Amino acid sequence: SGTHATCGSYFNTGTKEFSGVPYSNLDFNDAKCSTSNGEI
């Protein structure tokens, strides 16, 4: 998390927050993925 991005926007991959869009944890597919770790 932080602002180490090319425009300085805040993001947090743990909470899936991308303030520059914005996106939240509601906007990702984790609940649809059936694997143990969320990876292909």
PDB file of all heavy atoms in Angstrom:
ATOM      1  N   SER A   1       0.840  -1.193   0.000  1.00  0.00           N
ATOM      2  CA  SER A   1       0.000   0.000   0.000  1.00  0.00           C
ATOM      3  C   SER A   1       0.872   1.237   0.000  1.00  0.00           C
ATOM      4  O   SER A   1       2.068   1.182   0.293  1.00  0.00           O
ATOM      5  CB  SER A   1      -0.911   0.003   1.237  1.00  0.00           C
ATOM      6  OG  SER A   1      -0.117   0.090   2.415  1.00  0.00           O
ATOM      7  N   GLY A   2       0.251   2.360  -0.379  1.00  0.00           N
ATOM      8  CA  GLY A   2       0.993   3.611  -0.398  1.00  0.00           C
ATOM      9  C   GLY A   2       0.712   4.383  -1.664  1.00  0.00           C
ATOM     10  O   GLY A   2      -0.314   4.185  -2.334  1.00  0.00           O
ATOM     11  N   THR A   3       1.639   5.278  -2.004  1.00  0.00           N
ATOM     12  CA  THR A   3       1.489   6.123  -3.191  1.00  0.00           C
ATOM     13  C   THR A   3       2.665   5.934  -4.142  1.00  0.00           C
ATOM     14  O   THR A   3       2.963   6.821  -4.941  1.00  0.00           O
ATOM     15  CB  THR A   3       1.374   7.599  -2.786  1.00  0.00           C
ATOM     16  OG1 THR A   3       2.533   7.951  -2.012  1.00  0.00           O
ATOM     17  CG2 THR A   3       0.111   7.859  -1.972  1.00  0.00           C
ATOM     18  N   HIS A   4       3.344   4.775  -4.048  1.00  0.00           N
ATOM     19  CA  HIS A   4       4.476   4.508  -4.939  1.00  0.00           C
ATOM     20  C   HIS A   4       3.949   4.078  -6.322  1.00  0.00           C
ATOM     21  O   HIS A   4       4.063   2.940  -6.748  1.00  0.00           O
ATOM     22  CB  HIS A   4       5.439   3.467  -4.353  1.00  0.00           C
ATOM     23  CG  HIS A   4       4.808   2.209  -3.871  1.00  0.00           C
ATOM     24  ND1 HIS A   4       4.010   2.142  -2.745  1.00  0.00           N
ATOM     25  CD2 HIS A   4       4.857   0.931  -4.350  1.00  0.00           C
ATOM     26  CE1 HIS A   4       3.598   0.904  -2.557  1.00  0.00           C
ATOM     27  NE2 HIS A   4       4.093   0.145  -3.527  1.00  0.00           N
ATOM     28  N   ALA A   5       3.348   5.074  -6.994  1.00  0.00           N
ATOM     29  CA  ALA A   5       2.766   4.884  -8.313  1.00  0.00           C
ATOM     30  C   ALA A   5       3.131   6.098  -9.162  1.00  0.00           C
ATOM     31  O   ALA A   5       3.516   7.144  -8.647  1.00  0.00           O
ATOM     32  CB  ALA A   5       1.249   4.733  -8.206  1.00  0.00           C
ATOM     33  N   THR A   6       2.989   5.948 -10.483  1.00  0.00           N
ATOM     34  CA  THR A   6       3.541   6.958 -11.393  1.00  0.00           C
ATOM     35  C   THR A   6       2.801   8.290 -11.366  1.00  0.00           C
ATOM     36  O   THR A   6       3.334   9.290 -11.854  1.00  0.00           O
ATOM     37  CB  THR A   6       3.585   6.413 -12.837  1.00  0.00           C
ATOM     38  OG1 THR A   6       2.305   5.861 -13.184  1.00  0.00           O
ATOM     39  CG2 THR A   6       4.649   5.332 -12.970  1.00  0.00           C
ATOM     40  N   CYS A   7       1.566   8.329 -10.815  1.00  0.00           N
ATOM     41  CA  CYS A   7       0.878   9.617 -10.614  1.00  0.00           C
ATOM     42  C   CYS A   7       0.750   9.954  -9.135  1.00  0.00           C
ATOM     43  O   CYS A   7       0.197  10.998  -8.794  1.00  0.00           O
ATOM     44  CB  CYS A   7      -0.524   9.603 -11.210  1.00  0.00           C
ATOM     45  SG  CYS A   7      -0.636   9.220 -12.953  1.00  0.00           S
ATOM     46  N   GLY A   8       1.210   9.043  -8.262  1.00  0.00           N
ATOM     47  CA  GLY A   8       1.106   9.282  -6.828  1.00  0.00           C
ATOM     48  C   GLY A   8      -0.225   8.938  -6.216  1.00  0.00           C
ATOM     49  O   GLY A   8      -0.513   9.309  -5.070  1.00  0.00           O
ATOM     50  N   SER A   9      -1.085   8.190  -6.924  1.00  0.00           N
ATOM     51  CA  SER A   9      -2.378   7.800  -6.361  1.00  0.00           C
ATOM     52  C   SER A   9      -2.198   6.786  -5.246  1.00  0.00           C
ATOM     53  O   SER A   9      -1.316   5.923  -5.303  1.00  0.00           O
ATOM     54  CB  SER A   9      -3.271   7.195  -7.449  1.00  0.00           C
ATOM     55  OG  SER A   9      -3.576   8.139  -8.441  1.00  0.00           O
ATOM     56  N   TYR A  10      -3.081   6.847  -4.244  1.00  0.00           N
ATOM     57  CA  TYR A  10      -3.032   5.891  -3.129  1.00  0.00           C
ATOM     58  C   TYR A  10      -3.674   4.567  -3.551  1.00  0.00           C
ATOM     59  O   TYR A  10      -4.681   4.535  -4.260  1.00  0.00           O
ATOM     60  CB  TYR A  10      -3.773   6.436  -1.911  1.00  0.00           C
ATOM     61  CG  TYR A  10      -3.837   5.423  -0.788  1.00  0.00           C
ATOM     62  CD1 TYR A  10      -2.732   5.197   0.040  1.00  0.00           C
ATOM     63  CD2 TYR A  10      -4.983   4.658  -0.581  1.00  0.00           C
ATOM     64  CE1 TYR A  10      -2.769   4.245   1.052  1.00  0.00           C
ATOM     65  CE2 TYR A  10      -5.032   3.701   0.429  1.00  0.00           C
ATOM     66  CZ  TYR A  10      -3.924   3.497   1.228  1.00  0.00           C
ATOM     67  OH  TYR A  10      -3.958   2.536   2.226  1.00  0.00           O
ATOM     68  N   PHE A  11      -3.059   3.473  -3.118  1.00  0.00           N
ATOM     69  CA  PHE A  11      -3.657   2.157  -3.329  1.00  0.00           C
ATOM     70  C   PHE A  11      -3.273   1.253  -2.168  1.00  0.00           C
ATOM     71  O   PHE A  11      -2.281   1.490  -1.464  1.00  0.00           O
ATOM     72  CB  PHE A  11      -3.210   1.533  -4.655  1.00  0.00           C
ATOM     73  CG  PHE A  11      -1.733   1.205  -4.717  1.00  0.00           C
ATOM     74  CD1 PHE A  11      -1.268  -0.064  -4.424  1.00  0.00           C
ATOM     75  CD2 PHE A  11      -0.811   2.186  -5.060  1.00  0.00           C
ATOM     76  CE1 PHE A  11       0.089  -0.363  -4.468  1.00  0.00           C
ATOM     77  CE2 PHE A  11       0.548   1.902  -5.114  1.00  0.00           C
ATOM     78  CZ  PHE A  11       0.998   0.630  -4.816  1.00  0.00           C
ATOM     79  N   ASN A  12      -4.076   0.213  -1.968  1.00  0.00           N
ATOM     80  CA  ASN A  12      -3.820  -0.778  -0.921  1.00  0.00           C
ATOM     81  C   ASN A  12      -4.263  -2.133  -1.468  1.00  0.00           C
ATOM     82  O   ASN A  12      -5.459  -2.373  -1.632  1.00  0.00           O
ATOM     83  CB  ASN A  12      -4.594  -0.431   0.356  1.00  0.00           C
ATOM     84  CG  ASN A  12      -4.257  -1.370   1.511  1.00  0.00           C
ATOM     85  OD1 ASN A  12      -4.042  -2.565   1.321  1.00  0.00           O
ATOM     86  ND2 ASN A  12      -4.228  -0.823   2.719  1.00  0.00           N
ATOM     87  N   THR A  13      -3.285  -2.982  -1.800  1.00  0.00           N
ATOM     88  CA  THR A  13      -3.645  -4.265  -2.413  1.00  0.00           C
ATOM     89  C   THR A  13      -4.245  -5.228  -1.397  1.00  0.00           C
ATOM     90  O   THR A  13      -4.952  -6.160  -1.783  1.00  0.00           O
ATOM     91  CB  THR A  13      -2.422  -4.912  -3.086  1.00  0.00           C
ATOM     92  OG1 THR A  13      -1.408  -5.156  -2.108  1.00  0.00           O
ATOM     93  CG2 THR A  13      -1.856  -3.993  -4.170  1.00  0.00           C
ATOM     94  N   GLY A  14      -3.984  -5.008  -0.099  1.00  0.00           N
ATOM     95  CA  GLY A  14      -4.571  -5.862   0.927  1.00  0.00           C
ATOM     96  C   GLY A  14      -6.070  -5.669   1.039  1.00  0.00           C
ATOM     97  O   GLY A  14      -6.840  -6.630   1.122  1.00  0.00           O
ATOM     98  N   THR A  15      -6.499  -4.407   1.020  1.00  0.00           N
ATOM     99  CA  THR A  15      -7.931  -4.103   1.106  1.00  0.00           C
ATOM    100  C   THR A  15      -8.557  -3.906  -0.275  1.00  0.00           C
ATOM    101  O   THR A  15      -9.762  -3.659  -0.382  1.00  0.00           O
ATOM    102  CB  THR A  15      -8.153  -2.827   1.924  1.00  0.00           C
ATOM    103  OG1 THR A  15      -7.478  -1.727   1.290  1.00  0.00           O
ATOM    104  CG2 THR A  15      -7.615  -2.993   3.349  1.00  0.00           C
ATOM    105  N   LYS A  16      -7.720  -3.995  -1.318  1.00  0.00           N
ATOM    106  CA  LYS A  16      -8.156  -3.818  -2.712  1.00  0.00           C
ATOM    107  C   LYS A  16      -8.773  -2.428  -2.919  1.00  0.00           C
ATOM    108  O   LYS A  16      -9.814  -2.282  -3.565  1.00  0.00           O
ATOM    109  CB  LYS A  16      -9.123  -4.923  -3.141  1.00  0.00           C
ATOM    110  CG  LYS A  16      -8.565  -6.329  -2.956  1.00  0.00           C
ATOM    111  CD  LYS A  16      -9.508  -7.376  -3.508  1.00  0.00           C
ATOM    112  CE  LYS A  16      -9.054  -8.775  -3.142  1.00  0.00           C
ATOM    113  NZ  LYS A  16      -9.190  -9.044  -1.692  1.00  0.00           N
ATOM    114  N   GLU A  17      -8.103  -1.446  -2.393  1.00  0.00           N
ATOM    115  CA  GLU A  17      -8.538  -0.058  -2.551  1.00  0.00           C
ATOM    116  C   GLU A  17      -7.631   0.643  -3.560  1.00  0.00           C
ATOM    117  O   GLU A  17      -6.415   0.664  -3.396  1.00  0.00           O
ATOM    118  CB  GLU A  17      -8.484   0.671  -1.209  1.00  0.00           C
ATOM    119  CG  GLU A  17      -8.888   2.128  -1.319  1.00  0.00           C
ATOM    120  CD  GLU A  17      -8.719   2.889  -0.005  1.00  0.00           C
ATOM    121  OE1 GLU A  17      -8.392   2.257   1.010  1.00  0.00           O
ATOM    122  OE2 GLU A  17      -8.890   4.118  -0.027  1.00  0.00           O
ATOM    123  N   PHE A  18      -8.241   1.202  -4.589  1.00  0.00           N
ATOM    124  CA  PHE A  18      -7.515   1.967  -5.603  1.00  0.00           C
ATOM    125  C   PHE A  18      -8.233   3.306  -5.745  1.00  0.00           C
ATOM    126  O   PHE A  18      -9.185   3.440  -6.520  1.00  0.00           O
ATOM    127  CB  PHE A  18      -7.473   1.201  -6.928  1.00  0.00           C
ATOM    128  CG  PHE A  18      -6.634  -0.052  -6.862  1.00  0.00           C
ATOM    129  CD1 PHE A  18      -7.190  -1.259  -6.450  1.00  0.00           C
ATOM    130  CD2 PHE A  18      -5.290  -0.014  -7.191  1.00  0.00           C
ATOM    131  CE1 PHE A  18      -6.414  -2.413  -6.367  1.00  0.00           C
ATOM    132  CE2 PHE A  18      -4.507  -1.168  -7.110  1.00  0.00           C
ATOM    133  CZ  PHE A  18      -5.065  -2.367  -6.691  1.00  0.00           C
ATOM    134  N   SER A  19      -7.775   4.282  -4.975  1.00  0.00           N
ATOM    135  CA  SER A  19      -8.506   5.547  -4.862  1.00  0.00           C
ATOM    136  C   SER A  19      -8.513   6.341  -6.155  1.00  0.00           C
ATOM    137  O   SER A  19      -9.409   7.161  -6.373  1.00  0.00           O
ATOM    138  CB  SER A  19      -7.903   6.401  -3.744  1.00  0.00           C
ATOM    139  OG  SER A  19      -6.555   6.750  -4.049  1.00  0.00           O
ATOM    140  N   GLY A  20      -7.539   6.101  -7.028  1.00  0.00           N
ATOM    141  CA  GLY A  20      -7.458   6.862  -8.270  1.00  0.00           C
ATOM    142  C   GLY A  20      -8.517   6.499  -9.290  1.00  0.00           C
ATOM    143  O   GLY A  20      -8.703   7.218 -10.273  1.00  0.00           O
ATOM    144  N   VAL A  21      -9.247   5.366  -9.073  1.00  0.00           N
ATOM    145  CA  VAL A  21     -10.277   4.981 -10.058  1.00  0.00           C
ATOM    146  C   VAL A  21     -11.659   5.549  -9.692  1.00  0.00           C
ATOM    147  O   VAL A  21     -12.229   6.251 -10.539  1.00  0.00           O
ATOM    148  CB  VAL A  21     -10.280   3.441 -10.248  1.00  0.00           C
ATOM    149  CG1 VAL A  21     -11.350   3.047 -11.270  1.00  0.00           C
ATOM    150  CG2 VAL A  21      -8.909   2.925 -10.680  1.00  0.00           C
ATOM    151  N   PRO A  22     -12.305   5.259  -8.538  1.00  0.00           N
ATOM    152  CA  PRO A  22     -11.850   4.329  -7.501  1.00  0.00           C
ATOM    153  C   PRO A  22     -12.438   2.915  -7.680  1.00  0.00           C
ATOM    154  O   PRO A  22     -13.524   2.752  -8.225  1.00  0.00           O
ATOM    155  CB  PRO A  22     -12.426   4.977  -6.249  1.00  0.00           C
ATOM    156  CG  PRO A  22     -13.715   5.615  -6.714  1.00  0.00           C
ATOM    157  CD  PRO A  22     -13.477   6.049  -8.129  1.00  0.00           C
ATOM    158  N   TYR A  23     -11.646   1.944  -7.193  1.00  0.00           N
ATOM    159  CA  TYR A  23     -12.114   0.571  -7.021  1.00  0.00           C
ATOM    160  C   TYR A  23     -12.015   0.204  -5.541  1.00  0.00           C
ATOM    161  O   TYR A  23     -11.152   0.735  -4.816  1.00  0.00           O
ATOM    162  CB  TYR A  23     -11.251  -0.422  -7.806  1.00  0.00           C
ATOM    163  CG  TYR A  23     -11.470  -0.440  -9.299  1.00  0.00           C
ATOM    164  CD1 TYR A  23     -10.372  -0.560 -10.166  1.00  0.00           C
ATOM    165  CD2 TYR A  23     -12.740  -0.394  -9.869  1.00  0.00           C
ATOM    166  CE1 TYR A  23     -10.546  -0.598 -11.550  1.00  0.00           C
ATOM    167  CE2 TYR A  23     -12.922  -0.434 -11.252  1.00  0.00           C
ATOM    168  CZ  TYR A  23     -11.823  -0.533 -12.085  1.00  0.00           C
ATOM    169  OH  TYR A  23     -11.994  -0.573 -13.447  1.00  0.00           O
ATOM    170  N   SER A  24     -12.888  -0.742  -5.117  1.00  0.00           N
ATOM    171  CA  SER A  24     -12.854  -1.275  -3.756  1.00  0.00           C
ATOM    172  C   SER A  24     -12.855  -2.794  -3.827  1.00  0.00           C
ATOM    173  O   SER A  24     -12.851  -3.384  -4.915  1.00  0.00           O
ATOM    174  CB  SER A  24     -14.071  -0.788  -2.969  1.00  0.00           C
ATOM    175  OG  SER A  24     -15.248  -1.441  -3.440  1.00  0.00           O
ATOM    176  N   ASN A  25     -12.907  -3.434  -2.669  1.00  0.00           N
ATOM    177  CA  ASN A  25     -12.907  -4.904  -2.637  1.00  0.00           C
ATOM    178  C   ASN A  25     -14.142  -5.490  -3.308  1.00  0.00           C
ATOM    179  O   ASN A  25     -14.178  -6.681  -3.615  1.00  0.00           O
ATOM    180  CB  ASN A  25     -12.798  -5.413  -1.195  1.00  0.00           C
ATOM    181  CG  ASN A  25     -14.020  -5.051  -0.365  1.00  0.00           C
ATOM    182  OD1 ASN A  25     -14.683  -4.046  -0.610  1.00  0.00           O
ATOM    183  ND2 ASN A  25     -14.314  -5.869   0.623  1.00  0.00           N
ATOM    184  N   LEU A  26     -15.154  -4.665  -3.590  1.00  0.00           N
ATOM    185  CA  LEU A  26     -16.365  -5.146  -4.265  1.00  0.00           C
ATOM    186  C   LEU A  26     -16.140  -5.367  -5.754  1.00  0.00           C
ATOM    187  O   LEU A  26     -16.977  -5.970  -6.430  1.00  0.00           O
ATOM    188  CB  LEU A  26     -17.502  -4.131  -4.077  1.00  0.00           C
ATOM    189  CG  LEU A  26     -17.931  -3.830  -2.649  1.00  0.00           C
ATOM    190  CD1 LEU A  26     -18.985  -2.726  -2.638  1.00  0.00           C
ATOM    191  CD2 LEU A  26     -18.461  -5.093  -1.968  1.00  0.00           C
ATOM    192  N   ASP A  27     -15.029  -4.890  -6.271  1.00  0.00           N
ATOM    193  CA  ASP A  27     -14.825  -4.842  -7.716  1.00  0.00           C
ATOM    194  C   ASP A  27     -13.869  -5.910  -8.238  1.00  0.00           C
ATOM    195  O   ASP A  27     -13.424  -5.836  -9.392  1.00  0.00           O
ATOM    196  CB  ASP A  27     -14.313  -3.455  -8.109  1.00  0.00           C
ATOM    197  CG  ASP A  27     -15.286  -2.361  -7.707  1.00  0.00           C
ATOM    198  OD1 ASP A  27     -16.498  -2.555  -7.950  1.00  0.00           O
ATOM    199  OD2 ASP A  27     -14.853  -1.349  -7.140  1.00  0.00           O
ATOM    200  N   PHE A  28     -13.583  -6.926  -7.419  1.00  0.00           N
ATOM    201  CA  PHE A  28     -12.618  -7.958  -7.809  1.00  0.00           C
ATOM    202  C   PHE A  28     -13.241  -9.344  -7.721  1.00  0.00           C
ATOM    203  O   PHE A  28     -14.282  -9.544  -7.102  1.00  0.00           O
ATOM    204  CB  PHE A  28     -11.358  -7.843  -6.942  1.00  0.00           C
ATOM    205  CG  PHE A  28     -10.600  -6.574  -7.205  1.00  0.00           C
ATOM    206  CD1 PHE A  28     -10.898  -5.412  -6.510  1.00  0.00           C
ATOM    207  CD2 PHE A  28      -9.613  -6.527  -8.183  1.00  0.00           C
ATOM    208  CE1 PHE A  28     -10.230  -4.224  -6.781  1.00  0.00           C
ATOM    209  CE2 PHE A  28      -8.933  -5.340  -8.462  1.00  0.00           C
ATOM    210  CZ  PHE A  28      -9.242  -4.193  -7.752  1.00  0.00           C
ATOM    211  N   ASN A  29     -12.558 -10.322  -8.328  1.00  0.00           N
ATOM    212  CA  ASN A  29     -13.133 -11.640  -8.597  1.00  0.00           C
ATOM    213  C   ASN A  29     -12.862 -12.695  -7.528  1.00  0.00           C
ATOM    214  O   ASN A  29     -13.200 -13.849  -7.742  1.00  0.00           O
ATOM    215  CB  ASN A  29     -12.578 -12.177  -9.927  1.00  0.00           C
ATOM    216  CG  ASN A  29     -13.539 -11.966 -11.075  1.00  0.00           C
ATOM    217  OD1 ASN A  29     -14.737 -11.782 -10.874  1.00  0.00           O
ATOM    218  ND2 ASN A  29     -13.009 -11.976 -12.283  1.00  0.00           N
ATOM    219  N   ASP A  30     -12.243 -12.340  -6.432  1.00  0.00           N
ATOM    220  CA  ASP A  30     -11.786 -13.371  -5.487  1.00  0.00           C
ATOM    221  C   ASP A  30     -12.894 -14.344  -5.087  1.00  0.00           C
ATOM    222  O   ASP A  30     -12.654 -15.545  -4.953  1.00  0.00           O
ATOM    223  CB  ASP A  30     -11.190 -12.719  -4.233  1.00  0.00           C
ATOM    224  CG  ASP A  30      -9.836 -12.088  -4.527  1.00  0.00           C
ATOM    225  OD1 ASP A  30      -9.381 -12.192  -5.677  1.00  0.00           O
ATOM    226  OD2 ASP A  30      -9.241 -11.491  -3.618  1.00  0.00           O
ATOM    227  N   ALA A  31     -14.104 -13.853  -4.929  1.00  0.00           N
ATOM    228  CA  ALA A  31     -15.200 -14.735  -4.503  1.00  0.00           C
ATOM    229  C   ALA A  31     -15.566 -15.751  -5.576  1.00  0.00           C
ATOM    230  O   ALA A  31     -16.118 -16.815  -5.264  1.00  0.00           O
ATOM    231  CB  ALA A  31     -16.430 -13.896  -4.142  1.00  0.00           C
ATOM    232  N   LYS A  32     -15.245 -15.462  -6.833  1.00  0.00           N
ATOM    233  CA  LYS A  32     -15.584 -16.380  -7.931  1.00  0.00           C
ATOM    234  C   LYS A  32     -14.491 -17.409  -8.186  1.00  0.00           C
ATOM    235  O   LYS A  32     -14.717 -18.387  -8.898  1.00  0.00           O
ATOM    236  CB  LYS A  32     -15.818 -15.579  -9.216  1.00  0.00           C
ATOM    237  CG  LYS A  32     -17.103 -14.784  -9.216  1.00  0.00           C
ATOM    238  CD  LYS A  32     -17.171 -13.868 -10.436  1.00  0.00           C
ATOM    239  CE  LYS A  32     -17.236 -14.660 -11.716  1.00  0.00           C
ATOM    240  NZ  LYS A  32     -17.285 -13.749 -12.897  1.00  0.00           N
ATOM    241  N   CYS A  33     -13.297 -17.169  -7.632  1.00  0.00           N
ATOM    242  CA  CYS A  33     -12.186 -18.091  -7.877  1.00  0.00           C
ATOM    243  C   CYS A  33     -12.262 -19.277  -6.923  1.00  0.00           C
ATOM    244  O   CYS A  33     -12.415 -19.103  -5.714  1.00  0.00           O
ATOM    245  CB  CYS A  33     -10.852 -17.358  -7.717  1.00  0.00           C
ATOM    246  SG  CYS A  33      -9.429 -18.450  -7.907  1.00  0.00           S
ATOM    247  N   SER A  34     -12.118 -20.478  -7.476  1.00  0.00           N
ATOM    248  CA  SER A  34     -12.313 -21.691  -6.677  1.00  0.00           C
ATOM    249  C   SER A  34     -11.025 -22.289  -6.127  1.00  0.00           C
ATOM    250  O   SER A  34     -11.062 -23.310  -5.445  1.00  0.00           O
ATOM    251  CB  SER A  34     -13.030 -22.743  -7.533  1.00  0.00           C
ATOM    252  OG  SER A  34     -12.229 -23.049  -8.681  1.00  0.00           O
ATOM    253  N   THR A  35      -9.860 -21.657  -6.429  1.00  0.00           N
ATOM    254  CA  THR A  35      -8.603 -22.267  -5.974  1.00  0.00           C
ATOM    255  C   THR A  35      -8.282 -21.862  -4.535  1.00  0.00           C
ATOM    256  O   THR A  35      -8.804 -20.871  -4.023  1.00  0.00           O
ATOM    257  CB  THR A  35      -7.436 -21.870  -6.898  1.00  0.00           C
ATOM    258  OG1 THR A  35      -7.216 -20.464  -6.812  1.00  0.00           O
ATOM    259  CG2 THR A  35      -7.715 -22.248  -8.340  1.00  0.00           C
ATOM    260  N   SER A  36      -7.385 -22.625  -3.906  1.00  0.00           N
ATOM    261  CA  SER A  36      -7.087 -22.434  -2.491  1.00  0.00           C
ATOM    262  C   SER A  36      -6.401 -21.100  -2.205  1.00  0.00           C
ATOM    263  O   SER A  36      -6.576 -20.532  -1.125  1.00  0.00           O
ATOM    264  CB  SER A  36      -6.198 -23.579  -1.988  1.00  0.00           C
ATOM    265  OG  SER A  36      -4.996 -23.651  -2.768  1.00  0.00           O
ATOM    266  N   ASN A  37      -5.627 -20.598  -3.159  1.00  0.00           N
ATOM    267  CA  ASN A  37      -4.871 -19.363  -2.917  1.00  0.00           C
ATOM    268  C   ASN A  37      -5.305 -18.203  -3.802  1.00  0.00           C
ATOM    269  O   ASN A  37      -4.656 -17.143  -3.808  1.00  0.00           O
ATOM    270  CB  ASN A  37      -3.370 -19.609  -3.091  1.00  0.00           C
ATOM    271  CG  ASN A  37      -3.008 -20.059  -4.507  1.00  0.00           C
ATOM    272  OD1 ASN A  37      -3.892 -20.257  -5.341  1.00  0.00           O
ATOM    273  ND2 ASN A  37      -1.725 -20.227  -4.763  1.00  0.00           N
ATOM    274  N   GLY A  38      -6.390 -18.381  -4.585  1.00  0.00           N
ATOM    275  CA  GLY A  38      -6.866 -17.305  -5.445  1.00  0.00           C
ATOM    276  C   GLY A  38      -6.111 -17.169  -6.749  1.00  0.00           C
ATOM    277  O   GLY A  38      -6.411 -16.286  -7.557  1.00  0.00           O
ATOM    278  N   GLU A  39      -5.118 -18.048  -6.967  1.00  0.00           N
ATOM    279  CA  GLU A  39      -4.289 -17.996  -8.170  1.00  0.00           C
ATOM    280  C   GLU A  39      -4.778 -19.031  -9.195  1.00  0.00           C
ATOM    281  O   GLU A  39      -5.408 -20.032  -8.837  1.00  0.00           O
ATOM    282  CB  GLU A  39      -2.829 -18.324  -7.822  1.00  0.00           C
ATOM    283  CG  GLU A  39      -2.179 -17.347  -6.856  1.00  0.00           C
ATOM    284  CD  GLU A  39      -1.747 -16.067  -7.533  1.00  0.00           C
ATOM    285  OE1 GLU A  39      -1.292 -16.120  -8.694  1.00  0.00           O
ATOM    286  OE2 GLU A  39      -1.879 -15.011  -6.899  1.00  0.00           O
ATOM    287  N   ILE A  40      -4.437 -18.795 -10.471  1.00  0.00           N
ATOM    288  CA  ILE A  40      -4.657 -19.832 -11.475  1.00  0.00           C
ATOM    289  C   ILE A  40      -3.714 -20.989 -11.177  1.00  0.00           C
ATOM    290  O   ILE A  40      -2.498 -20.807 -11.118  1.00  0.00           O
ATOM    291  CB  ILE A  40      -4.377 -19.294 -12.886  1.00  0.00           C
ATOM    292  CG1 ILE A  40      -5.276 -18.104 -13.216  1.00  0.00           C
ATOM    293  CG2 ILE A  40      -4.557 -20.400 -13.932  1.00  0.00           C
ATOM    294  CD1 ILE A  40      -4.887 -17.364 -14.482  1.00  0.00           C
TER     295      ILE A  40
END
